[in-house]
Amino acid sequence: MVKCFCFGLKNCSRGFCNSEPAELVFASNRGGPLTTTSLQKMFRLSLAKAGITKPATFHSLRHSFATHLLENGTDVRYVQELLGHANIRTTQQYTHLTNPALKNIKSPL
């Protein structure tokens, strides 16, 4: 079940950090927690309702979030913290997608 999430922040006291959340981020109609399956179903229905035909997942949203942050100049170390990556190299995989200026550099060789 999805109780709460903290975006992987190290000092988070909620979510998947082995502690009880103070409140639910996503609550069901009955006031309880939503299941992952319910969230995925709502996500698919929302995509259809919006007319989005391109395949999308929760992970693709996470990837887009990171890519847009980097494209807008956010320091890669902040993005690393937000995504909860232990190793900066994992986050740096996004940078090859986000820096169009690198494509314009001519090799001196």
N, C-alpha and C. Protein backbone atom coordinates (compact mmCIF):
# COMPACT_ATOMS: atom_id res chain seq x y z
N MET A 1 0.82 -1.18 0.00
CA MET A 1 0.00 0.00 0.00
C MET A 1 0.87 1.25 0.00
N VAL A 2 0.34 2.30 -0.57
CA VAL A 2 1.06 3.56 -0.59
C VAL A 2 0.56 4.38 0.57
N LYS A 3 1.40 4.60 1.56
CA LYS A 3 1.02 5.40 2.72
C LYS A 3 1.43 6.85 2.53
N CYS A 4 2.67 7.04 2.19
CA CYS A 4 3.23 8.37 2.06
C CYS A 4 4.57 8.20 1.37
N PHE A 5 5.07 9.21 0.78
CA PHE A 5 6.39 9.11 0.18
C PHE A 5 7.17 10.37 0.48
N CYS A 6 8.48 10.24 0.49
CA CYS A 6 9.31 11.38 0.85
C CYS A 6 10.32 11.71 -0.24
N PHE A 7 10.13 11.19 -1.44
CA PHE A 7 11.01 11.47 -2.58
C PHE A 7 12.46 11.07 -2.31
N GLY A 8 12.66 10.15 -1.38
CA GLY A 8 14.00 9.63 -1.14
C GLY A 8 14.90 10.54 -0.33
N LEU A 9 14.37 11.56 0.30
CA LEU A 9 15.21 12.44 1.09
C LEU A 9 15.75 11.71 2.31
N LYS A 10 17.04 11.86 2.56
CA LYS A 10 17.70 11.11 3.63
C LYS A 10 17.11 11.43 5.01
N ASN A 11 16.75 12.67 5.26
CA ASN A 11 16.30 13.06 6.58
C ASN A 11 14.78 13.05 6.72
N CYS A 12 14.12 12.39 5.80
CA CYS A 12 12.66 12.33 5.82
C CYS A 12 12.18 11.48 6.99
N SER A 13 11.16 11.94 7.65
CA SER A 13 10.61 11.16 8.77
C SER A 13 9.28 10.52 8.39
N ARG A 14 8.96 10.54 7.10
CA ARG A 14 7.70 9.98 6.64
C ARG A 14 7.94 9.01 5.51
N GLY A 15 6.90 8.31 5.12
CA GLY A 15 6.95 7.50 3.92
C GLY A 15 7.70 6.20 4.09
N PHE A 16 8.49 5.85 3.10
CA PHE A 16 9.19 4.58 3.07
C PHE A 16 10.46 4.64 3.91
N CYS A 17 10.40 5.31 5.03
CA CYS A 17 11.56 5.50 5.88
C CYS A 17 11.39 4.73 7.19
N ASN A 18 10.61 3.66 7.17
CA ASN A 18 10.37 2.82 8.34
C ASN A 18 9.77 3.56 9.51
N SER A 19 8.91 4.51 9.24
CA SER A 19 8.18 5.19 10.30
C SER A 19 6.75 5.43 9.82
N GLU A 20 5.87 5.58 10.75
CA GLU A 20 4.48 5.82 10.40
C GLU A 20 4.30 7.26 9.93
N PRO A 21 3.61 7.48 8.82
CA PRO A 21 3.38 8.85 8.36
C PRO A 21 2.34 9.54 9.25
N ALA A 22 2.45 10.84 9.36
CA ALA A 22 1.50 11.60 10.15
C ALA A 22 0.14 11.65 9.46
N GLU A 23 0.12 11.62 8.16
CA GLU A 23 -1.11 11.64 7.39
C GLU A 23 -0.86 11.00 6.04
N LEU A 24 -1.93 10.65 5.37
CA LEU A 24 -1.81 10.03 4.05
C LEU A 24 -1.66 11.10 2.99
N VAL A 25 -0.83 10.84 2.01
CA VAL A 25 -0.72 11.74 0.87
C VAL A 25 -1.90 11.49 -0.07
N PHE A 26 -2.20 10.21 -0.31
CA PHE A 26 -3.31 9.81 -1.16
C PHE A 26 -4.24 8.94 -0.33
N ALA A 27 -5.46 9.40 -0.12
CA ALA A 27 -6.42 8.63 0.66
C ALA A 27 -7.54 8.11 -0.24
N SER A 28 -8.07 6.96 0.11
CA SER A 28 -9.19 6.39 -0.63
C SER A 28 -10.48 7.10 -0.24
N ASN A 29 -11.57 6.73 -0.90
CA ASN A 29 -12.88 7.31 -0.58
C ASN A 29 -13.27 7.04 0.86
N ARG A 30 -12.76 5.94 1.40
CA ARG A 30 -13.07 5.57 2.78
C ARG A 30 -12.10 6.17 3.79
N GLY A 31 -11.14 6.94 3.31
CA GLY A 31 -10.19 7.60 4.20
C GLY A 31 -8.95 6.78 4.49
N GLY A 32 -8.86 5.59 3.94
CA GLY A 32 -7.69 4.74 4.15
C GLY A 32 -6.66 4.93 3.05
N PRO A 33 -5.60 4.17 3.12
CA PRO A 33 -4.56 4.29 2.09
C PRO A 33 -4.99 3.67 0.77
N LEU A 34 -4.51 4.24 -0.32
CA LEU A 34 -4.74 3.67 -1.65
C LEU A 34 -3.69 2.60 -1.91
N THR A 35 -4.06 1.60 -2.66
CA THR A 35 -3.10 0.59 -3.06
C THR A 35 -2.36 1.06 -4.31
N THR A 36 -1.22 0.48 -4.56
CA THR A 36 -0.45 0.81 -5.76
C THR A 36 -1.28 0.53 -7.01
N THR A 37 -2.02 -0.57 -7.00
CA THR A 37 -2.86 -0.93 -8.15
C THR A 37 -3.91 0.15 -8.41
N SER A 38 -4.52 0.67 -7.35
CA SER A 38 -5.53 1.73 -7.52
C SER A 38 -4.91 2.98 -8.12
N LEU A 39 -3.72 3.35 -7.64
CA LEU A 39 -3.05 4.53 -8.18
C LEU A 39 -2.69 4.34 -9.65
N GLN A 40 -2.21 3.15 -10.00
CA GLN A 40 -1.87 2.87 -11.40
C GLN A 40 -3.11 2.93 -12.29
N LYS A 41 -4.23 2.42 -11.80
CA LYS A 41 -5.47 2.45 -12.57
C LYS A 41 -5.92 3.90 -12.78
N MET A 42 -5.86 4.73 -11.73
CA MET A 42 -6.23 6.14 -11.87
C MET A 42 -5.30 6.86 -12.83
N PHE A 43 -4.03 6.51 -12.79
CA PHE A 43 -3.04 7.11 -13.69
C PHE A 43 -3.38 6.77 -15.14
N ARG A 44 -3.65 5.49 -15.42
CA ARG A 44 -4.01 5.08 -16.79
C ARG A 44 -5.29 5.77 -17.25
N LEU A 45 -6.30 5.86 -16.38
CA LEU A 45 -7.54 6.54 -16.74
C LEU A 45 -7.31 8.03 -17.02
N SER A 46 -6.44 8.65 -16.22
CA SER A 46 -6.13 10.06 -16.43
C SER A 46 -5.41 10.29 -17.75
N LEU A 47 -4.51 9.37 -18.10
CA LEU A 47 -3.83 9.47 -19.39
C LEU A 47 -4.84 9.40 -20.53
N ALA A 48 -5.76 8.45 -20.44
CA ALA A 48 -6.77 8.28 -21.49
C ALA A 48 -7.67 9.51 -21.56
N LYS A 49 -8.10 10.01 -20.41
CA LYS A 49 -8.98 11.18 -20.36
C LYS A 49 -8.31 12.42 -20.96
N ALA A 50 -7.00 12.51 -20.78
CA ALA A 50 -6.26 13.65 -21.32
C ALA A 50 -5.88 13.45 -22.79
N GLY A 51 -6.19 12.28 -23.33
CA GLY A 51 -5.88 12.01 -24.72
C GLY A 51 -4.41 11.70 -24.97
N ILE A 52 -3.70 11.32 -23.94
CA ILE A 52 -2.28 10.98 -24.08
C ILE A 52 -2.17 9.53 -24.50
N THR A 53 -1.59 9.31 -25.67
CA THR A 53 -1.47 7.95 -26.18
C THR A 53 -0.06 7.40 -26.02
N LYS A 54 0.89 8.27 -25.76
CA LYS A 54 2.27 7.83 -25.56
C LYS A 54 2.34 7.02 -24.26
N PRO A 55 3.05 5.88 -24.29
CA PRO A 55 3.15 5.08 -23.07
C PRO A 55 3.78 5.88 -21.93
N ALA A 56 3.20 5.79 -20.75
CA ALA A 56 3.72 6.51 -19.59
C ALA A 56 3.52 5.65 -18.34
N THR A 57 4.46 5.80 -17.43
CA THR A 57 4.42 5.08 -16.16
C THR A 57 4.81 6.04 -15.05
N PHE A 58 4.69 5.58 -13.80
CA PHE A 58 5.18 6.40 -12.69
C PHE A 58 6.67 6.66 -12.86
N HIS A 59 7.40 5.66 -13.35
CA HIS A 59 8.84 5.83 -13.53
C HIS A 59 9.14 6.86 -14.62
N SER A 60 8.34 6.88 -15.68
CA SER A 60 8.58 7.89 -16.73
C SER A 60 8.31 9.30 -16.19
N LEU A 61 7.36 9.44 -15.26
CA LEU A 61 7.14 10.75 -14.63
C LEU A 61 8.36 11.15 -13.80
N ARG A 62 8.91 10.19 -13.07
CA ARG A 62 10.11 10.44 -12.26
C ARG A 62 11.28 10.86 -13.16
N HIS A 63 11.42 10.16 -14.28
CA HIS A 63 12.49 10.46 -15.23
C HIS A 63 12.30 11.86 -15.82
N SER A 64 11.07 12.19 -16.20
CA SER A 64 10.77 13.51 -16.76
C SER A 64 11.03 14.61 -15.74
N PHE A 65 10.65 14.36 -14.49
CA PHE A 65 10.87 15.31 -13.40
C PHE A 65 12.37 15.63 -13.30
N ALA A 66 13.19 14.60 -13.24
CA ALA A 66 14.64 14.79 -13.12
C ALA A 66 15.20 15.51 -14.34
N THR A 67 14.77 15.11 -15.52
CA THR A 67 15.27 15.72 -16.75
C THR A 67 14.93 17.20 -16.80
N HIS A 68 13.69 17.56 -16.46
CA HIS A 68 13.28 18.97 -16.49
C HIS A 68 14.03 19.80 -15.46
N LEU A 69 14.26 19.23 -14.27
CA LEU A 69 15.04 19.96 -13.28
C LEU A 69 16.44 20.28 -13.82
N LEU A 70 17.08 19.29 -14.41
CA LEU A 70 18.43 19.50 -14.94
C LEU A 70 18.43 20.47 -16.12
N GLU A 71 17.42 20.37 -16.98
CA GLU A 71 17.32 21.29 -18.12
C GLU A 71 17.15 22.73 -17.67
N ASN A 72 16.53 22.91 -16.51
CA ASN A 72 16.30 24.26 -15.99
C ASN A 72 17.42 24.72 -15.06
N GLY A 73 18.53 23.99 -15.05
CA GLY A 73 19.71 24.45 -14.33
C GLY A 73 19.85 24.01 -12.89
N THR A 74 19.00 23.12 -12.42
CA THR A 74 19.13 22.63 -11.05
C THR A 74 20.41 21.82 -10.93
N ASP A 75 21.15 22.06 -9.87
CA ASP A 75 22.41 21.35 -9.64
C ASP A 75 22.14 19.86 -9.53
N VAL A 76 22.99 19.07 -10.17
CA VAL A 76 22.81 17.62 -10.22
C VAL A 76 22.81 17.00 -8.82
N ARG A 77 23.50 17.63 -7.87
CA ARG A 77 23.52 17.09 -6.50
C ARG A 77 22.17 17.23 -5.82
N TYR A 78 21.41 18.30 -6.14
CA TYR A 78 20.07 18.45 -5.59
C TYR A 78 19.13 17.40 -6.19
N VAL A 79 19.27 17.19 -7.49
CA VAL A 79 18.45 16.17 -8.16
C VAL A 79 18.77 14.79 -7.58
N GLN A 80 20.05 14.53 -7.33
CA GLN A 80 20.45 13.27 -6.71
C GLN A 80 19.73 13.07 -5.38
N GLU A 81 19.70 14.11 -4.56
CA GLU A 81 19.04 14.03 -3.25
C GLU A 81 17.54 13.81 -3.40
N LEU A 82 16.91 14.54 -4.31
CA LEU A 82 15.47 14.38 -4.51
C LEU A 82 15.09 12.98 -4.98
N LEU A 83 15.94 12.40 -5.83
CA LEU A 83 15.64 11.07 -6.36
C LEU A 83 16.08 9.95 -5.42
N GLY A 84 16.87 10.31 -4.41
CA GLY A 84 17.32 9.31 -3.46
C GLY A 84 18.43 8.42 -3.99
N HIS A 85 19.20 8.92 -4.94
CA HIS A 85 20.30 8.14 -5.49
C HIS A 85 21.49 8.19 -4.54
N ALA A 86 22.04 7.04 -4.21
CA ALA A 86 23.22 6.98 -3.34
C ALA A 86 24.47 7.43 -4.09
N ASN A 87 24.52 7.13 -5.38
CA ASN A 87 25.71 7.41 -6.18
C ASN A 87 25.38 8.48 -7.21
N ILE A 88 26.21 9.50 -7.29
CA ILE A 88 25.99 10.60 -8.23
C ILE A 88 26.00 10.12 -9.68
N ARG A 89 26.70 9.04 -9.96
CA ARG A 89 26.76 8.52 -11.35
C ARG A 89 25.37 8.09 -11.84
N THR A 90 24.56 7.61 -10.94
CA THR A 90 23.20 7.23 -11.33
C THR A 90 22.44 8.45 -11.82
N THR A 91 22.56 9.56 -11.10
CA THR A 91 21.88 10.79 -11.48
C THR A 91 22.49 11.38 -12.74
N GLN A 92 23.79 11.25 -12.90
CA GLN A 92 24.47 11.82 -14.06
C GLN A 92 24.04 11.18 -15.37
N GLN A 93 23.40 10.02 -15.30
CA GLN A 93 22.88 9.41 -16.52
C GLN A 93 21.86 10.32 -17.19
N TYR A 94 21.17 11.16 -16.41
CA TYR A 94 20.19 12.08 -16.97
C TYR A 94 20.86 13.23 -17.70
N THR A 95 22.09 13.55 -17.34
CA THR A 95 22.73 14.74 -17.90
C THR A 95 23.04 14.61 -19.38
N HIS A 96 23.25 13.40 -19.88
CA HIS A 96 23.53 13.25 -21.31
C HIS A 96 22.30 13.61 -22.15
N LEU A 97 21.14 13.62 -21.54
CA LEU A 97 19.91 13.97 -22.25
C LEU A 97 19.61 15.46 -22.19
N THR A 98 20.22 16.15 -21.23
CA THR A 98 19.75 17.48 -20.91
C THR A 98 20.65 18.63 -21.33
N ASN A 99 21.84 18.38 -21.82
CA ASN A 99 22.73 19.48 -22.12
C ASN A 99 22.98 19.61 -23.61
N PRO A 100 22.09 20.35 -24.31
CA PRO A 100 22.25 20.52 -25.76
C PRO A 100 23.52 21.27 -26.13
N ALA A 101 24.05 22.09 -25.21
CA ALA A 101 25.28 22.83 -25.51
C ALA A 101 26.45 21.88 -25.73
N LEU A 102 26.44 20.73 -25.07
CA LEU A 102 27.51 19.76 -25.25
C LEU A 102 27.56 19.23 -26.67
N LYS A 103 26.41 19.14 -27.31
CA LYS A 103 26.35 18.63 -28.68
C LYS A 103 27.00 19.59 -29.67
N ASN A 104 27.07 20.87 -29.31
CA ASN A 104 27.63 21.89 -30.20
C ASN A 104 29.13 22.08 -30.05
N ILE A 105 29.74 21.41 -29.09
CA ILE A 105 31.18 21.56 -28.88
C ILE A 105 31.93 20.78 -29.95
N LYS A 106 32.84 21.45 -30.61
CA LYS A 106 33.66 20.83 -31.64
C LYS A 106 34.91 20.24 -30.99
N SER A 107 35.24 19.06 -31.36
CA SER A 107 36.44 18.42 -30.84
C SER A 107 37.67 19.11 -31.41
N PRO A 108 38.67 19.39 -30.56
CA PRO A 108 39.89 20.03 -31.08
C PRO A 108 40.79 19.03 -31.80
N LEU A 109 40.43 17.77 -31.79
CA LEU A 109 41.27 16.75 -32.41
C LEU A 109 40.90 16.49 -33.85
